Amino acid sequence: MRAEGIRFDAQLTEAPGHAVDLAREAAQQGYTRVICVGGDGTLNEIVNGLMQVEVERRPALGLIPSGTGTDFARGLGWPKALDGVIEAIRRGTERRIDVGMTSFYRAGQARARYFINVAGAGFDGDVSDVVNREGKHGGSLAYFLTVFRVLAGYEHKHARVTLTAPDGSEHVLQGHYNLIAVGNGQYFGGGMRISPNSDTCDGCFEAIVIEAMSRAEFVLNFPKVYRGTHLSHPKVSEYRVVAIRIELVNTSQRMFVEAEGELFGEAPASFQVIPGALRLIAPSGLLQSRQ
């Protein structure tokens, strides 16, 4: 970056949650751009820091993907070579992208947090719980192996799901579910294309609702998620929404909520889209949906 004549200051995070403070403080100090160097967890923290700043003073967000998971950048078709990433920061165009906000419970207290890529409740929450407790070692392979460990003892969640369409109409589902994913971006879990039709600039989420499957059925169809071809399965439904609410019918169960691979809390939970909430510094040609 220095060789390209880009002036910048750098800060290293010192503990979980520190990037939230650093991003907010950068805005308060008058910086106009904040660049994330890390994975999706670091990105989530930075987004939460930026969203604490009034929109008029909110810096633009840049990405240098370099972490355990870089699913958000993968979904955007981000350059893989460092030279291409630096060129995007130097000459890229700022585009408005959507941000999600989720409300949930943790230790019996109502909480809220922003997300930028994919949030979910159910099976992925249980996987994130294990990954976060045991430490993020081994990258995508570790996540892949944890999926099958969790599957061995997983209990499908009996839940009620309220989906709010862009026109404001509501559609209510009730049944036993493996997973409910809320896609602003396309990928999660280190390369799984869970929401192939998601667009970060369209003002909507894609809700992917996966009904209860037997373990054998899950294992047989699991590889399809990496290709984004799972939507054709009869137990997988996709809904275009602006908000979602998830409530457990069986209140003796626990349903974990995660986003960007970070465990947030538990259901009941709600998710809503905030259109155009952030400016993203993107390579020319990307993110053309919102002008």
C-alpha atoms as a PDB file:
ATOM      1  CA  MET A   1       0.000   0.000   0.000  1.00  0.00           C
ATOM      2  CA  ARG A   2       2.859   2.370   0.773  1.00  0.00           C
ATOM      3  CA  ALA A   3       4.465   1.510  -2.568  1.00  0.00           C
ATOM      4  CA  GLU A   4       1.215   2.550  -4.264  1.00  0.00           C
ATOM      5  CA  GLY A   5       1.266   5.873  -2.448  1.00  0.00           C
ATOM      6  CA  ILE A   6      -1.710   5.086  -0.188  1.00  0.00           C
ATOM      7  CA  ARG A   7      -1.589   6.928   3.134  1.00  0.00           C
ATOM      8  CA  PHE A   8      -2.956   4.958   6.072  1.00  0.00           C
ATOM      9  CA  ASP A   9      -2.706   4.228   9.765  1.00  0.00           C
ATOM     10  CA  ALA A  10      -2.844   0.648  11.069  1.00  0.00           C
ATOM     11  CA  GLN A  11      -4.261  -0.792  14.286  1.00  0.00           C
ATOM     12  CA  LEU A  12      -4.068  -4.399  15.498  1.00  0.00           C
ATOM     13  CA  THR A  13      -6.939  -5.929  17.466  1.00  0.00           C
ATOM     14  CA  GLU A  14      -5.990  -7.098  20.948  1.00  0.00           C
ATOM     15  CA  ALA A  15      -9.047  -9.144  21.993  1.00  0.00           C
ATOM     16  CA  PRO A  16     -12.466 -10.286  20.755  1.00  0.00           C
ATOM     17  CA  GLY A  17     -14.699  -7.249  20.233  1.00  0.00           C
ATOM     18  CA  HIS A  18     -11.793  -4.808  19.934  1.00  0.00           C
ATOM     19  CA  ALA A  19     -12.419  -4.177  16.227  1.00  0.00           C
ATOM     20  CA  VAL A  20     -15.858  -2.750  17.134  1.00  0.00           C
ATOM     21  CA  ASP A  21     -14.166  -0.050  19.210  1.00  0.00           C
ATOM     22  CA  LEU A  22     -11.421   0.606  16.657  1.00  0.00           C
ATOM     23  CA  ALA A  23     -13.897   1.130  13.817  1.00  0.00           C
ATOM     24  CA  ARG A  24     -16.107   3.440  15.869  1.00  0.00           C
ATOM     25  CA  GLU A  25     -13.107   5.446  17.092  1.00  0.00           C
ATOM     26  CA  ALA A  26     -11.770   5.775  13.527  1.00  0.00           C
ATOM     27  CA  ALA A  27     -15.049   7.379  12.480  1.00  0.00           C
ATOM     28  CA  GLN A  28     -15.017   9.702  15.479  1.00  0.00           C
ATOM     29  CA  GLN A  29     -11.481  10.754  14.582  1.00  0.00           C
ATOM     30  CA  GLY A  30     -12.563  11.719  11.069  1.00  0.00           C
ATOM     31  CA  TYR A  31     -11.231   8.831   8.983  1.00  0.00           C
ATOM     32  CA  THR A  32     -13.222   8.428   5.772  1.00  0.00           C
ATOM     33  CA  ARG A  33     -12.315   4.784   5.110  1.00  0.00           C
ATOM     34  CA  VAL A  34     -11.825   1.754   7.342  1.00  0.00           C
ATOM     35  CA  ILE A  35     -10.134  -1.293   5.809  1.00  0.00           C
ATOM     36  CA  CYS A  36     -10.729  -4.740   7.295  1.00  0.00           C
ATOM     37  CA  VAL A  37      -7.728  -7.087   7.174  1.00  0.00           C
ATOM     38  CA  GLY A  38      -9.034 -10.400   8.454  1.00  0.00           C
ATOM     39  CA  GLY A  39     -11.829 -12.921   8.162  1.00  0.00           C
ATOM     40  CA  ASP A  40     -15.595 -12.695   8.442  1.00  0.00           C
ATOM     41  CA  GLY A  41     -15.544 -12.453  12.248  1.00  0.00           C
ATOM     42  CA  THR A  42     -13.309  -9.385  12.152  1.00  0.00           C
ATOM     43  CA  LEU A  43     -15.473  -7.945   9.392  1.00  0.00           C
ATOM     44  CA  ASN A  44     -18.578  -8.422  11.515  1.00  0.00           C
ATOM     45  CA  GLU A  45     -16.997  -6.497  14.380  1.00  0.00           C
ATOM     46  CA  ILE A  46     -15.996  -3.628  12.105  1.00  0.00           C
ATOM     47  CA  VAL A  47     -19.501  -3.442  10.643  1.00  0.00           C
ATOM     48  CA  ASN A  48     -20.925  -3.229  14.166  1.00  0.00           C
ATOM     49  CA  GLY A  49     -18.514  -0.426  15.004  1.00  0.00           C
ATOM     50  CA  LEU A  50     -19.369   1.529  11.854  1.00  0.00           C
ATOM     51  CA  MET A  51     -23.111   1.107  12.383  1.00  0.00           C
ATOM     52  CA  GLN A  52     -22.796   2.827  15.768  1.00  0.00           C
ATOM     53  CA  VAL A  53     -21.850   6.012  13.926  1.00  0.00           C
ATOM     54  CA  GLU A  54     -24.435   8.354  12.411  1.00  0.00           C
ATOM     55  CA  VAL A  55     -24.725   7.785   8.683  1.00  0.00           C
ATOM     56  CA  GLU A  56     -23.309  11.212   7.734  1.00  0.00           C
ATOM     57  CA  ARG A  57     -20.017  10.414   9.501  1.00  0.00           C
ATOM     58  CA  ARG A  58     -19.876   6.692   8.715  1.00  0.00           C
ATOM     59  CA  PRO A  59     -16.634   5.775   6.884  1.00  0.00           C
ATOM     60  CA  ALA A  60     -16.608   3.614   3.771  1.00  0.00           C
ATOM     61  CA  LEU A  61     -15.622  -0.020   4.280  1.00  0.00           C
ATOM     62  CA  GLY A  62     -12.763  -1.745   2.464  1.00  0.00           C
ATOM     63  CA  LEU A  63     -11.645  -5.399   2.465  1.00  0.00           C
ATOM     64  CA  ILE A  64      -8.319  -7.183   2.430  1.00  0.00           C
ATOM     65  CA  PRO A  65      -9.556 -10.760   2.993  1.00  0.00           C
ATOM     66  CA  SER A  66      -7.089 -12.609   5.243  1.00  0.00           C
ATOM     67  CA  GLY A  67      -8.654 -14.862   7.828  1.00  0.00           C
ATOM     68  CA  THR A  68     -10.143 -18.220   8.760  1.00  0.00           C
ATOM     69  CA  GLY A  69     -13.211 -17.525   6.658  1.00  0.00           C
ATOM     70  CA  THR A  70     -13.611 -14.977   3.872  1.00  0.00           C
ATOM     71  CA  ASP A  71     -17.085 -15.934   2.701  1.00  0.00           C
ATOM     72  CA  PHE A  72     -18.386 -12.389   2.259  1.00  0.00           C
ATOM     73  CA  ALA A  73     -15.580 -11.493  -0.152  1.00  0.00           C
ATOM     74  CA  ARG A  74     -16.001 -14.838  -1.932  1.00  0.00           C
ATOM     75  CA  GLY A  75     -19.655 -14.070  -2.608  1.00  0.00           C
ATOM     76  CA  LEU A  76     -18.773 -10.723  -4.162  1.00  0.00           C
ATOM     77  CA  GLY A  77     -16.194 -12.204  -6.521  1.00  0.00           C
ATOM     78  CA  TRP A  78     -13.414 -10.281  -4.787  1.00  0.00           C
ATOM     79  CA  PRO A  79      -9.908 -10.358  -6.332  1.00  0.00           C
ATOM     80  CA  LYS A  80      -7.814 -13.197  -4.915  1.00  0.00           C
ATOM     81  CA  ALA A  81      -4.416 -11.657  -5.645  1.00  0.00           C
ATOM     82  CA  LEU A  82      -3.199  -8.983  -3.243  1.00  0.00           C
ATOM     83  CA  ASP A  83      -2.338  -6.654  -6.129  1.00  0.00           C
ATOM     84  CA  GLY A  84      -5.972  -6.739  -7.246  1.00  0.00           C
ATOM     85  CA  VAL A  85      -7.201  -6.009  -3.737  1.00  0.00           C
ATOM     86  CA  ILE A  86      -4.867  -3.027  -3.362  1.00  0.00           C
ATOM     87  CA  GLU A  87      -5.949  -1.734  -6.766  1.00  0.00           C
ATOM     88  CA  ALA A  88      -9.574  -1.921  -5.593  1.00  0.00           C
ATOM     89  CA  ILE A  89      -8.732   0.154  -2.524  1.00  0.00           C
ATOM     90  CA  ARG A  90      -6.812   2.674  -4.604  1.00  0.00           C
ATOM     91  CA  ARG A  91      -9.177   3.057  -7.573  1.00  0.00           C
ATOM     92  CA  GLY A  92     -12.342   1.195  -6.609  1.00  0.00           C
ATOM     93  CA  THR A  93     -15.819   2.660  -6.619  1.00  0.00           C
ATOM     94  CA  GLU A  94     -17.875   3.150  -3.471  1.00  0.00           C
ATOM     95  CA  ARG A  95     -21.204   1.296  -3.667  1.00  0.00           C
ATOM     96  CA  ARG A  96     -24.075   1.216  -1.205  1.00  0.00           C
ATOM     97  CA  ILE A  97     -24.680  -2.225   0.291  1.00  0.00           C
ATOM     98  CA  ASP A  98     -27.318  -3.551   2.660  1.00  0.00           C
ATOM     99  CA  VAL A  99     -26.747  -4.501   6.279  1.00  0.00           C
ATOM    100  CA  GLY A 100     -28.809  -6.852   8.417  1.00  0.00           C
ATOM    101  CA  MET A 101     -29.784  -6.413  12.050  1.00  0.00           C
ATOM    102  CA  THR A 102     -30.754  -9.309  14.283  1.00  0.00           C
ATOM    103  CA  SER A 103     -32.411  -9.268  17.701  1.00  0.00           C
ATOM    104  CA  PHE A 104     -32.010 -12.294  19.965  1.00  0.00           C
ATOM    105  CA  TYR A 105     -31.543 -13.368  23.587  1.00  0.00           C
ATOM    106  CA  ARG A 106     -28.330 -14.094  25.477  1.00  0.00           C
ATOM    107  CA  ALA A 107     -28.312 -15.151  29.122  1.00  0.00           C
ATOM    108  CA  GLY A 108     -31.982 -14.166  29.292  1.00  0.00           C
ATOM    109  CA  GLN A 109     -31.354 -10.603  28.090  1.00  0.00           C
ATOM    110  CA  ALA A 110     -32.582  -9.106  24.813  1.00  0.00           C
ATOM    111  CA  ARG A 111     -29.670  -8.148  22.570  1.00  0.00           C
ATOM    112  CA  ALA A 112     -29.158  -6.860  19.016  1.00  0.00           C
ATOM    113  CA  ARG A 113     -26.313  -6.982  16.546  1.00  0.00           C
ATOM    114  CA  TYR A 114     -25.615  -6.139  12.915  1.00  0.00           C
ATOM    115  CA  PHE A 115     -24.405  -8.543  10.233  1.00  0.00           C
ATOM    116  CA  ILE A 116     -23.313  -8.141   6.630  1.00  0.00           C
ATOM    117  CA  ASN A 117     -23.167 -11.617   5.119  1.00  0.00           C
ATOM    118  CA  VAL A 118     -25.255 -14.593   6.316  1.00  0.00           C
ATOM    119  CA  ALA A 119     -27.046 -15.142   9.616  1.00  0.00           C
ATOM    120  CA  GLY A 120     -28.870 -18.261  10.655  1.00  0.00           C
ATOM    121  CA  ALA A 121     -30.626 -20.234  13.345  1.00  0.00           C
ATOM    122  CA  GLY A 122     -30.678 -23.948  13.979  1.00  0.00           C
ATOM    123  CA  PHE A 123     -28.049 -26.394  12.791  1.00  0.00           C
ATOM    124  CA  ASP A 124     -25.487 -23.745  11.787  1.00  0.00           C
ATOM    125  CA  GLY A 125     -25.885 -22.147  15.209  1.00  0.00           C
ATOM    126  CA  ASP A 126     -25.028 -25.438  16.901  1.00  0.00           C
ATOM    127  CA  VAL A 127     -21.980 -25.825  14.653  1.00  0.00           C
ATOM    128  CA  SER A 128     -20.862 -22.266  15.456  1.00  0.00           C
ATOM    129  CA  ASP A 129     -21.323 -22.983  19.162  1.00  0.00           C
ATOM    130  CA  VAL A 130     -18.889 -25.912  18.955  1.00  0.00           C
ATOM    131  CA  VAL A 131     -16.400 -24.070  16.728  1.00  0.00           C
ATOM    132  CA  ASN A 132     -16.351 -21.013  19.002  1.00  0.00           C
ATOM    133  CA  ARG A 133     -15.972 -23.068  22.197  1.00  0.00           C
ATOM    134  CA  GLU A 134     -13.163 -25.195  20.801  1.00  0.00           C
ATOM    135  CA  GLY A 135     -11.368 -22.430  18.922  1.00  0.00           C
ATOM    136  CA  LYS A 136     -11.165 -21.637  15.215  1.00  0.00           C
ATOM    137  CA  HIS A 137      -8.337 -23.924  14.221  1.00  0.00           C
ATOM    138  CA  GLY A 138      -8.051 -25.684  10.884  1.00  0.00           C
ATOM    139  CA  GLY A 139     -10.191 -23.299   8.818  1.00  0.00           C
ATOM    140  CA  SER A 140     -12.790 -24.686   6.429  1.00  0.00           C
ATOM    141  CA  LEU A 141     -11.775 -28.310   7.008  1.00  0.00           C
ATOM    142  CA  ALA A 142     -12.363 -27.999  10.753  1.00  0.00           C
ATOM    143  CA  TYR A 143     -15.801 -26.498  10.085  1.00  0.00           C
ATOM    144  CA  PHE A 144     -16.604 -29.288   7.634  1.00  0.00           C
ATOM    145  CA  LEU A 145     -15.698 -31.971  10.180  1.00  0.00           C
ATOM    146  CA  THR A 146     -17.626 -30.214  12.950  1.00  0.00           C
ATOM    147  CA  VAL A 147     -20.773 -30.356  10.794  1.00  0.00           C
ATOM    148  CA  PHE A 148     -20.783 -34.139  10.977  1.00  0.00           C
ATOM    149  CA  ARG A 149     -19.954 -34.224  14.685  1.00  0.00           C
ATOM    150  CA  VAL A 150     -22.935 -31.962  15.434  1.00  0.00           C
ATOM    151  CA  LEU A 151     -25.181 -33.892  13.057  1.00  0.00           C
ATOM    152  CA  ALA A 152     -24.714 -37.103  15.081  1.00  0.00           C
ATOM    153  CA  GLY A 153     -26.660 -35.668  18.011  1.00  0.00           C
ATOM    154  CA  TYR A 154     -28.689 -32.875  16.424  1.00  0.00           C
ATOM    155  CA  GLU A 155     -32.376 -32.455  17.255  1.00  0.00           C
ATOM    156  CA  HIS A 156     -34.452 -30.638  14.643  1.00  0.00           C
ATOM    157  CA  LYS A 157     -36.139 -27.495  15.967  1.00  0.00           C
ATOM    158  CA  HIS A 158     -39.913 -27.182  16.195  1.00  0.00           C
ATOM    159  CA  ALA A 159     -40.409 -23.539  15.287  1.00  0.00           C
ATOM    160  CA  ARG A 160     -42.722 -20.895  13.869  1.00  0.00           C
ATOM    161  CA  VAL A 161     -41.218 -18.682  11.159  1.00  0.00           C
ATOM    162  CA  THR A 162     -42.828 -15.399  10.097  1.00  0.00           C
ATOM    163  CA  LEU A 163     -41.577 -14.071   6.761  1.00  0.00           C
ATOM    164  CA  THR A 164     -42.219 -10.467   5.696  1.00  0.00           C
ATOM    165  CA  ALA A 165     -42.149  -9.929   1.921  1.00  0.00           C
ATOM    166  CA  PRO A 166     -40.988  -6.689   0.241  1.00  0.00           C
ATOM    167  CA  ASP A 167     -44.642  -5.628  -0.187  1.00  0.00           C
ATOM    168  CA  GLY A 168     -45.211  -5.937   3.578  1.00  0.00           C
ATOM    169  CA  SER A 169     -47.308  -9.108   3.439  1.00  0.00           C
ATOM    170  CA  GLU A 170     -46.560 -11.881   5.926  1.00  0.00           C
ATOM    171  CA  HIS A 171     -46.295 -15.619   5.430  1.00  0.00           C
ATOM    172  CA  VAL A 172     -46.151 -17.940   8.466  1.00  0.00           C
ATOM    173  CA  LEU A 173     -44.501 -21.365   8.485  1.00  0.00           C
ATOM    174  CA  GLN A 174     -44.587 -23.894  11.307  1.00  0.00           C
ATOM    175  CA  GLY A 175     -42.823 -27.233  11.471  1.00  0.00           C
ATOM    176  CA  HIS A 176     -39.591 -29.004  12.312  1.00  0.00           C
ATOM    177  CA  TYR A 177     -36.526 -27.393  10.770  1.00  0.00           C
ATOM    178  CA  ASN A 178     -32.879 -28.208  10.330  1.00  0.00           C
ATOM    179  CA  LEU A 179     -31.753 -24.700   9.459  1.00  0.00           C
ATOM    180  CA  ILE A 180     -33.086 -21.249   8.647  1.00  0.00           C
ATOM    181  CA  ALA A 181     -30.460 -19.106   6.903  1.00  0.00           C
ATOM    182  CA  VAL A 182     -30.817 -15.380   6.256  1.00  0.00           C
ATOM    183  CA  GLY A 183     -28.707 -14.405   3.266  1.00  0.00           C
ATOM    184  CA  ASN A 184     -27.455 -10.928   2.489  1.00  0.00           C
ATOM    185  CA  GLY A 185     -24.356 -12.543   0.983  1.00  0.00           C
ATOM    186  CA  GLN A 186     -24.106 -15.934  -0.681  1.00  0.00           C
ATOM    187  CA  TYR A 187     -21.543 -18.048   1.180  1.00  0.00           C
ATOM    188  CA  PHE A 188     -20.989 -19.233   4.733  1.00  0.00           C
ATOM    189  CA  GLY A 189     -19.098 -21.975   6.570  1.00  0.00           C
ATOM    190  CA  GLY A 190     -15.913 -21.639   4.543  1.00  0.00           C
ATOM    191  CA  GLY A 191     -17.289 -21.986   1.016  1.00  0.00           C
ATOM    192  CA  MET A 192     -20.864 -23.282   1.292  1.00  0.00           C
ATOM    193  CA  ARG A 193     -23.042 -21.388  -1.203  1.00  0.00           C
ATOM    194  CA  ILE A 194     -26.094 -21.464   1.034  1.00  0.00           C
ATOM    195  CA  SER A 195     -27.876 -18.502  -0.630  1.00  0.00           C
ATOM    196  CA  PRO A 196     -26.836 -18.380  -4.312  1.00  0.00           C
ATOM    197  CA  ASN A 197     -29.424 -15.741  -5.272  1.00  0.00           C
ATOM    198  CA  SER A 198     -28.507 -13.189  -2.604  1.00  0.00           C
ATOM    199  CA  ASP A 199     -27.473  -9.704  -3.684  1.00  0.00           C
ATOM    200  CA  THR A 200     -25.954  -7.299  -1.149  1.00  0.00           C
ATOM    201  CA  CYS A 201     -27.382  -4.306  -3.024  1.00  0.00           C
ATOM    202  CA  ASP A 202     -31.045  -5.225  -3.604  1.00  0.00           C
ATOM    203  CA  GLY A 203     -32.622  -4.182  -0.279  1.00  0.00           C
ATOM    204  CA  CYS A 204     -33.775  -7.740   0.513  1.00  0.00           C
ATOM    205  CA  PHE A 205     -32.712 -10.987   2.152  1.00  0.00           C
ATOM    206  CA  GLU A 206     -33.054 -14.469   0.750  1.00  0.00           C
ATOM    207  CA  ALA A 207     -34.412 -16.755   3.480  1.00  0.00           C
ATOM    208  CA  ILE A 208     -33.368 -20.390   3.010  1.00  0.00           C
ATOM    209  CA  VAL A 209     -35.605 -22.687   5.058  1.00  0.00           C
ATOM    210  CA  ILE A 210     -34.481 -26.321   5.328  1.00  0.00           C
ATOM    211  CA  GLU A 211     -37.015 -28.726   6.780  1.00  0.00           C
ATOM    212  CA  ALA A 212     -36.085 -31.678   8.985  1.00  0.00           C
ATOM    213  CA  MET A 213     -34.067 -34.339   7.178  1.00  0.00           C
ATOM    214  CA  SER A 214     -32.872 -37.745   8.257  1.00  0.00           C
ATOM    215  CA  ARG A 215     -29.132 -37.984   8.891  1.00  0.00           C
ATOM    216  CA  ALA A 216     -28.687 -40.110   5.770  1.00  0.00           C
ATOM    217  CA  GLU A 217     -30.649 -37.615   3.661  1.00  0.00           C
ATOM    218  CA  PHE A 218     -28.609 -34.732   5.045  1.00  0.00           C
ATOM    219  CA  VAL A 219     -25.283 -36.449   4.333  1.00  0.00           C
ATOM    220  CA  LEU A 220     -26.375 -37.364   0.809  1.00  0.00           C
ATOM    221  CA  ASN A 221     -27.399 -33.810  -0.056  1.00  0.00           C
ATOM    222  CA  PHE A 222     -24.780 -31.871   1.921  1.00  0.00           C
ATOM    223  CA  PRO A 223     -22.267 -31.589  -0.988  1.00  0.00           C
ATOM    224  CA  LYS A 224     -24.905 -29.718  -3.004  1.00  0.00           C
ATOM    225  CA  VAL A 225     -24.593 -26.737  -0.649  1.00  0.00           C
ATOM    226  CA  TYR A 226     -21.046 -26.090  -1.863  1.00  0.00           C
ATOM    227  CA  ARG A 227     -22.313 -25.849  -5.440  1.00  0.00           C
ATOM    228  CA  GLY A 228     -25.454 -23.899  -4.564  1.00  0.00           C
ATOM    229  CA  THR A 229     -27.676 -26.592  -6.106  1.00  0.00           C
ATOM    230  CA  HIS A 230     -29.487 -27.566  -2.882  1.00  0.00           C
ATOM    231  CA  LEU A 231     -32.413 -25.219  -3.640  1.00  0.00           C
ATOM    232  CA  SER A 232     -33.919 -27.857  -5.912  1.00  0.00           C
ATOM    233  CA  HIS A 233     -34.447 -30.253  -2.995  1.00  0.00           C
ATOM    234  CA  PRO A 234     -38.138 -30.561  -1.992  1.00  0.00           C
ATOM    235  CA  LYS A 235     -37.305 -29.869   1.670  1.00  0.00           C
ATOM    236  CA  VAL A 236     -35.437 -26.647   0.863  1.00  0.00           C
ATOM    237  CA  SER A 237     -37.424 -23.442   0.261  1.00  0.00           C
ATOM    238  CA  GLU A 238     -36.281 -19.950  -0.665  1.00  0.00           C
ATOM    239  CA  TYR A 239     -38.180 -16.747   0.186  1.00  0.00           C
ATOM    240  CA  ARG A 240     -37.399 -13.145  -0.760  1.00  0.00           C
ATOM    241  CA  VAL A 241     -37.970 -11.097   2.385  1.00  0.00           C
ATOM    242  CA  VAL A 242     -37.174  -7.883   4.241  1.00  0.00           C
ATOM    243  CA  ALA A 243     -37.705  -9.311   7.728  1.00  0.00           C
ATOM    244  CA  ILE A 244     -37.980 -12.663   9.514  1.00  0.00           C
ATOM    245  CA  ARG A 245     -39.026 -13.740  12.992  1.00  0.00           C
ATOM    246  CA  ILE A 246     -38.248 -17.163  14.457  1.00  0.00           C
ATOM    247  CA  GLU A 247     -39.967 -18.499  17.581  1.00  0.00           C
ATOM    248  CA  LEU A 248     -39.633 -21.946  19.142  1.00  0.00           C
ATOM    249  CA  VAL A 249     -42.875 -23.894  19.458  1.00  0.00           C
ATOM    250  CA  ASN A 250     -41.123 -26.472  21.620  1.00  0.00           C
ATOM    251  CA  THR A 251     -39.824 -24.145  24.327  1.00  0.00           C
ATOM    252  CA  SER A 252     -37.792 -26.912  25.940  1.00  0.00           C
ATOM    253  CA  GLN A 253     -35.405 -26.712  22.983  1.00  0.00           C
ATOM    254  CA  ARG A 254     -32.562 -24.237  22.437  1.00  0.00           C
ATOM    255  CA  MET A 255     -32.036 -22.677  19.014  1.00  0.00           C
ATOM    256  CA  PHE A 256     -28.727 -20.862  18.597  1.00  0.00           C
ATOM    257  CA  VAL A 257     -28.381 -17.767  16.389  1.00  0.00           C
ATOM    258  CA  GLU A 258     -25.160 -17.000  14.517  1.00  0.00           C
ATOM    259  CA  ALA A 259     -23.851 -14.661  11.844  1.00  0.00           C
ATOM    260  CA  GLU A 260     -20.517 -14.532  10.063  1.00  0.00           C
ATOM    261  CA  GLY A 261     -19.571 -17.689  11.993  1.00  0.00           C
ATOM    262  CA  GLU A 262     -19.939 -15.893  15.336  1.00  0.00           C
ATOM    263  CA  LEU A 263     -22.375 -17.215  17.924  1.00  0.00           C
ATOM    264  CA  PHE A 264     -24.699 -14.371  18.985  1.00  0.00           C
ATOM    265  CA  GLY A 265     -27.349 -15.906  21.254  1.00  0.00           C
ATOM    266  CA  GLU A 266     -30.629 -17.803  21.062  1.00  0.00           C
ATOM    267  CA  ALA A 267     -34.155 -17.607  19.645  1.00  0.00           C
ATOM    268  CA  PRO A 268     -36.668 -16.071  19.723  1.00  0.00           C
ATOM    269  CA  ALA A 269     -34.918 -13.976  17.138  1.00  0.00           C
ATOM    270  CA  SER A 270     -35.750 -11.517  14.397  1.00  0.00           C
ATOM    271  CA  PHE A 271     -33.834 -10.293  11.355  1.00  0.00           C
ATOM    272  CA  GLN A 272     -34.409  -7.177   9.280  1.00  0.00           C
ATOM    273  CA  VAL A 273     -32.616  -5.569   6.356  1.00  0.00           C
ATOM    274  CA  ILE A 274     -31.300  -1.997   6.396  1.00  0.00           C
ATOM    275  CA  PRO A 275     -30.994  -1.020   2.711  1.00  0.00           C
ATOM    276  CA  GLY A 276     -27.862   0.804   1.589  1.00  0.00           C
ATOM    277  CA  ALA A 277     -26.562   1.249   5.133  1.00  0.00           C
ATOM    278  CA  LEU A 278     -22.843   1.050   4.274  1.00  0.00           C
ATOM    279  CA  ARG A 279     -20.563   2.233   1.500  1.00  0.00           C
ATOM    280  CA  LEU A 280     -18.264  -0.543   0.299  1.00  0.00           C
ATOM    281  CA  ILE A 281     -15.087   0.179  -1.654  1.00  0.00           C
ATOM    282  CA  ALA A 282     -15.433  -2.334  -4.486  1.00  0.00           C
ATOM    283  CA  PRO A 283     -13.425  -3.156  -7.612  1.00  0.00           C
ATOM    284  CA  SER A 284     -14.818  -1.554 -10.747  1.00  0.00           C
ATOM    285  CA  GLY A 285     -17.624  -3.630 -12.236  1.00  0.00           C
ATOM    286  CA  LEU A 286     -18.826  -5.188  -8.976  1.00  0.00           C
ATOM    287  CA  LEU A 287     -22.017  -4.341  -7.089  1.00  0.00           C
ATOM    288  CA  GLN A 288     -23.821  -2.642  -9.951  1.00  0.00           C
ATOM    289  CA  SER A 289     -27.327  -3.335  -8.637  1.00  0.00           C
ATOM    290  CA  ARG A 290     -27.619  -0.184  -6.513  1.00  0.00           C
ATOM    291  CA  GLN A 291     -26.623   3.147  -8.022  1.00  0.00           C
END
